[in-house]
Amino acid sequence: MAQVKATIATLFDGMRAGDSTMVRSTFHPDMRLNTVAQDGEGYRLVGGDAERFLQAVGTPHDEAWDERIGEIDVRVDAGLATAWMAYRFYVGDTFSHCGVNSMQLARLDGRWQIVSLVDTRRQACE
């Protein structure tokens, strides 16, 4: 479980540092990125592009992208892990949005890699 949490910490440390190489090190090459977005009365799945996300992380920006996560609930079976965590996203010190991250990781080539990341995003936080 500690190694899974270390991979997740590396992802968010890389985002704060604007280091796309660090972030990429946590992703499996076929990693999927999605958001469950509210759409009127229901929800829809919005596909993301991991390469575009990595480019955005690595593009210089004036303020750090600071995704502050809560307690991580990790479940592991053999080489599969799932992690669930609430988050609040800040650009510098300014609140942007909050939600939940759900990640699936696989232990491949001797290390935990994120194979799927799905999040929610909202303005009102509890």
C-alpha atoms as a PDB file:
ATOM      1  CA  MET A   1       0.000   0.000   0.000  1.00  0.00           C
ATOM      2  CA  ALA A   2       2.838   2.409   0.746  1.00  0.00           C
ATOM      3  CA  GLN A   3       4.214   2.013  -2.790  1.00  0.00           C
ATOM      4  CA  VAL A   4       0.797   2.795  -4.290  1.00  0.00           C
ATOM      5  CA  LYS A   5       0.562   5.939  -2.168  1.00  0.00           C
ATOM      6  CA  ALA A   6       4.124   6.883  -3.178  1.00  0.00           C
ATOM      7  CA  THR A   7       3.165   6.711  -6.863  1.00  0.00           C
ATOM      8  CA  ILE A   8       0.168   8.955  -6.203  1.00  0.00           C
ATOM      9  CA  ALA A   9       2.329  11.406  -4.221  1.00  0.00           C
ATOM     10  CA  THR A  10       4.797  11.554  -7.125  1.00  0.00           C
ATOM     11  CA  LEU A  11       1.947  12.441  -9.505  1.00  0.00           C
ATOM     12  CA  PHE A  12       0.820  15.409  -7.393  1.00  0.00           C
ATOM     13  CA  ASP A  13       4.370  16.515  -6.522  1.00  0.00           C
ATOM     14  CA  GLY A  14       5.108  16.582 -10.260  1.00  0.00           C
ATOM     15  CA  MET A  15       2.010  18.670 -10.932  1.00  0.00           C
ATOM     16  CA  ARG A  16       2.997  21.204  -8.256  1.00  0.00           C
ATOM     17  CA  ALA A  17       6.521  21.368  -9.690  1.00  0.00           C
ATOM     18  CA  GLY A  18       5.299  21.676 -13.291  1.00  0.00           C
ATOM     19  CA  ASP A  19       7.424  18.597 -14.074  1.00  0.00           C
ATOM     20  CA  SER A  20       5.749  16.567 -16.824  1.00  0.00           C
ATOM     21  CA  THR A  21       8.554  13.978 -16.753  1.00  0.00           C
ATOM     22  CA  MET A  22       7.827  13.264 -13.091  1.00  0.00           C
ATOM     23  CA  VAL A  23       4.092  13.017 -13.788  1.00  0.00           C
ATOM     24  CA  ARG A  24       4.689  10.766 -16.826  1.00  0.00           C
ATOM     25  CA  SER A  25       6.728   8.399 -14.649  1.00  0.00           C
ATOM     26  CA  THR A  26       3.528   7.529 -12.756  1.00  0.00           C
ATOM     27  CA  PHE A  27       1.452   6.783 -15.878  1.00  0.00           C
ATOM     28  CA  HIS A  28       1.280   3.521 -17.811  1.00  0.00           C
ATOM     29  CA  PRO A  29       1.754   4.337 -21.536  1.00  0.00           C
ATOM     30  CA  ASP A  30      -1.879   3.325 -22.204  1.00  0.00           C
ATOM     31  CA  MET A  31      -3.275   5.263 -19.226  1.00  0.00           C
ATOM     32  CA  ARG A  32      -6.872   6.476 -19.564  1.00  0.00           C
ATOM     33  CA  LEU A  33      -8.001   9.826 -18.197  1.00  0.00           C
ATOM     34  CA  ASN A  34     -11.696  10.711 -17.741  1.00  0.00           C
ATOM     35  CA  THR A  35     -13.992  13.084 -15.885  1.00  0.00           C
ATOM     36  CA  VAL A  36     -17.554  12.375 -14.800  1.00  0.00           C
ATOM     37  CA  ALA A  37     -19.201  15.739 -15.432  1.00  0.00           C
ATOM     38  CA  GLN A  38     -22.642  16.926 -14.426  1.00  0.00           C
ATOM     39  CA  ASP A  39     -24.822  17.422 -17.480  1.00  0.00           C
ATOM     40  CA  GLY A  40     -28.157  18.992 -16.584  1.00  0.00           C
ATOM     41  CA  GLU A  41     -29.965  16.465 -14.397  1.00  0.00           C
ATOM     42  CA  GLY A  42     -27.518  13.633 -15.125  1.00  0.00           C
ATOM     43  CA  TYR A  43     -23.873  12.933 -15.769  1.00  0.00           C
ATOM     44  CA  ARG A  44     -21.659  12.228 -18.747  1.00  0.00           C
ATOM     45  CA  LEU A  45     -18.195  10.797 -19.201  1.00  0.00           C
ATOM     46  CA  VAL A  46     -15.722  13.272 -20.670  1.00  0.00           C
ATOM     47  CA  GLY A  47     -12.611  11.669 -22.108  1.00  0.00           C
ATOM     48  CA  GLY A  48      -9.286  13.283 -21.417  1.00  0.00           C
ATOM     49  CA  ASP A  49      -6.020  13.076 -23.294  1.00  0.00           C
ATOM     50  CA  ALA A  50      -3.039  12.074 -21.160  1.00  0.00           C
ATOM     51  CA  GLU A  51      -0.528  13.583 -23.607  1.00  0.00           C
ATOM     52  CA  ARG A  52      -2.337  16.949 -23.618  1.00  0.00           C
ATOM     53  CA  PHE A  53      -2.474  16.840 -19.821  1.00  0.00           C
ATOM     54  CA  LEU A  54       1.281  16.164 -19.652  1.00  0.00           C
ATOM     55  CA  GLN A  55       1.960  19.038 -22.065  1.00  0.00           C
ATOM     56  CA  ALA A  56      -0.179  21.358 -19.942  1.00  0.00           C
ATOM     57  CA  VAL A  57       1.647  20.325 -16.751  1.00  0.00           C
ATOM     58  CA  GLY A  58       5.033  20.951 -18.390  1.00  0.00           C
ATOM     59  CA  THR A  59       4.079  24.288 -19.968  1.00  0.00           C
ATOM     60  CA  PRO A  60       5.402  27.076 -17.747  1.00  0.00           C
ATOM     61  CA  HIS A  61       2.660  28.769 -15.735  1.00  0.00           C
ATOM     62  CA  ASP A  62       2.898  31.586 -13.219  1.00  0.00           C
ATOM     63  CA  GLU A  63       1.335  29.712 -10.322  1.00  0.00           C
ATOM     64  CA  ALA A  64       1.635  26.117  -9.139  1.00  0.00           C
ATOM     65  CA  TRP A  65      -1.122  23.614  -9.819  1.00  0.00           C
ATOM     66  CA  ASP A  66      -1.715  22.392  -6.306  1.00  0.00           C
ATOM     67  CA  GLU A  67      -4.039  19.414  -5.983  1.00  0.00           C
ATOM     68  CA  ARG A  68      -4.486  18.878  -2.269  1.00  0.00           C
ATOM     69  CA  ILE A  69      -5.747  15.410  -1.537  1.00  0.00           C
ATOM     70  CA  GLY A  70      -7.414  13.984   1.529  1.00  0.00           C
ATOM     71  CA  GLU A  71      -7.040  10.524   3.013  1.00  0.00           C
ATOM     72  CA  ILE A  72      -6.373   7.884   0.346  1.00  0.00           C
ATOM     73  CA  ASP A  73      -8.418   4.690   0.546  1.00  0.00           C
ATOM     74  CA  VAL A  74      -6.336   1.991  -1.165  1.00  0.00           C
ATOM     75  CA  ARG A  75      -7.394  -1.569  -1.933  1.00  0.00           C
ATOM     76  CA  VAL A  76      -4.888  -4.082  -3.324  1.00  0.00           C
ATOM     77  CA  ASP A  77      -5.246  -7.565  -4.761  1.00  0.00           C
ATOM     78  CA  ALA A  78      -2.135  -9.092  -6.296  1.00  0.00           C
ATOM     79  CA  GLY A  79      -0.968  -6.645  -8.998  1.00  0.00           C
ATOM     80  CA  LEU A  80      -4.106  -4.491  -9.021  1.00  0.00           C
ATOM     81  CA  ALA A  81      -4.805  -1.503  -6.783  1.00  0.00           C
ATOM     82  CA  THR A  82      -7.599   1.012  -6.608  1.00  0.00           C
ATOM     83  CA  ALA A  83      -7.303   4.340  -4.805  1.00  0.00           C
ATOM     84  CA  TRP A  84     -10.062   6.799  -3.897  1.00  0.00           C
ATOM     85  CA  MET A  85      -9.423  10.286  -2.544  1.00  0.00           C
ATOM     86  CA  ALA A  86     -11.168  13.624  -2.202  1.00  0.00           C
ATOM     87  CA  TYR A  87      -9.264  16.632  -3.483  1.00  0.00           C
ATOM     88  CA  ARG A  88      -9.280  20.406  -3.684  1.00  0.00           C
ATOM     89  CA  PHE A  89      -7.492  22.008  -6.618  1.00  0.00           C
ATOM     90  CA  TYR A  90      -5.764  25.375  -6.313  1.00  0.00           C
ATOM     91  CA  VAL A  91      -3.949  27.531  -8.819  1.00  0.00           C
ATOM     92  CA  GLY A  92      -1.388  29.098  -6.557  1.00  0.00           C
ATOM     93  CA  ASP A  93      -3.420  30.047  -3.478  1.00  0.00           C
ATOM     94  CA  THR A  94      -6.693  30.459  -5.395  1.00  0.00           C
ATOM     95  CA  PHE A  95      -9.307  27.713  -5.088  1.00  0.00           C
ATOM     96  CA  SER A  96     -10.442  26.357  -8.475  1.00  0.00           C
ATOM     97  CA  HIS A  97     -12.563  23.246  -7.870  1.00  0.00           C
ATOM     98  CA  CYS A  98     -12.911  20.069  -5.837  1.00  0.00           C
ATOM     99  CA  GLY A  99     -14.061  16.493  -6.285  1.00  0.00           C
ATOM    100  CA  VAL A 100     -12.922  12.928  -6.006  1.00  0.00           C
ATOM    101  CA  ASN A 101     -10.193  11.011  -7.829  1.00  0.00           C
ATOM    102  CA  SER A 102     -10.569   7.308  -8.502  1.00  0.00           C
ATOM    103  CA  MET A 103      -7.389   5.645  -9.736  1.00  0.00           C
ATOM    104  CA  GLN A 104      -6.602   2.151 -10.835  1.00  0.00           C
ATOM    105  CA  LEU A 105      -2.979   1.095 -10.714  1.00  0.00           C
ATOM    106  CA  ALA A 106      -1.201  -2.029 -11.884  1.00  0.00           C
ATOM    107  CA  ARG A 107       2.124  -3.395 -10.669  1.00  0.00           C
ATOM    108  CA  LEU A 108       3.967  -3.795 -13.946  1.00  0.00           C
ATOM    109  CA  ASP A 109       7.699  -4.047 -14.573  1.00  0.00           C
ATOM    110  CA  GLY A 110       8.264  -3.998 -10.799  1.00  0.00           C
ATOM    111  CA  ARG A 111       6.469  -0.715 -10.072  1.00  0.00           C
ATOM    112  CA  TRP A 112       2.958   0.655  -9.552  1.00  0.00           C
ATOM    113  CA  GLN A 113       1.670   2.550 -12.589  1.00  0.00           C
ATOM    114  CA  ILE A 114      -1.570   4.483 -12.974  1.00  0.00           C
ATOM    115  CA  VAL A 115      -3.629   2.813 -15.693  1.00  0.00           C
ATOM    116  CA  SER A 116      -6.839   4.801 -15.186  1.00  0.00           C
ATOM    117  CA  LEU A 117      -7.737   8.057 -13.501  1.00  0.00           C
ATOM    118  CA  VAL A 118     -11.356   9.218 -13.302  1.00  0.00           C
ATOM    119  CA  ASP A 119     -12.368  12.347 -11.419  1.00  0.00           C
ATOM    120  CA  THR A 120     -15.355  14.501 -10.587  1.00  0.00           C
ATOM    121  CA  ARG A 121     -15.235  18.286 -10.529  1.00  0.00           C
ATOM    122  CA  ARG A 122     -17.468  20.730  -8.761  1.00  0.00           C
ATOM    123  CA  GLN A 123     -17.363  24.223  -7.285  1.00  0.00           C
ATOM    124  CA  ALA A 124     -19.211  23.524  -4.029  1.00  0.00           C
ATOM    125  CA  CYS A 125     -17.222  21.468  -1.538  1.00  0.00           C
ATOM    126  CA  GLU A 126     -18.279  19.982   1.763  1.00  0.00           C
END
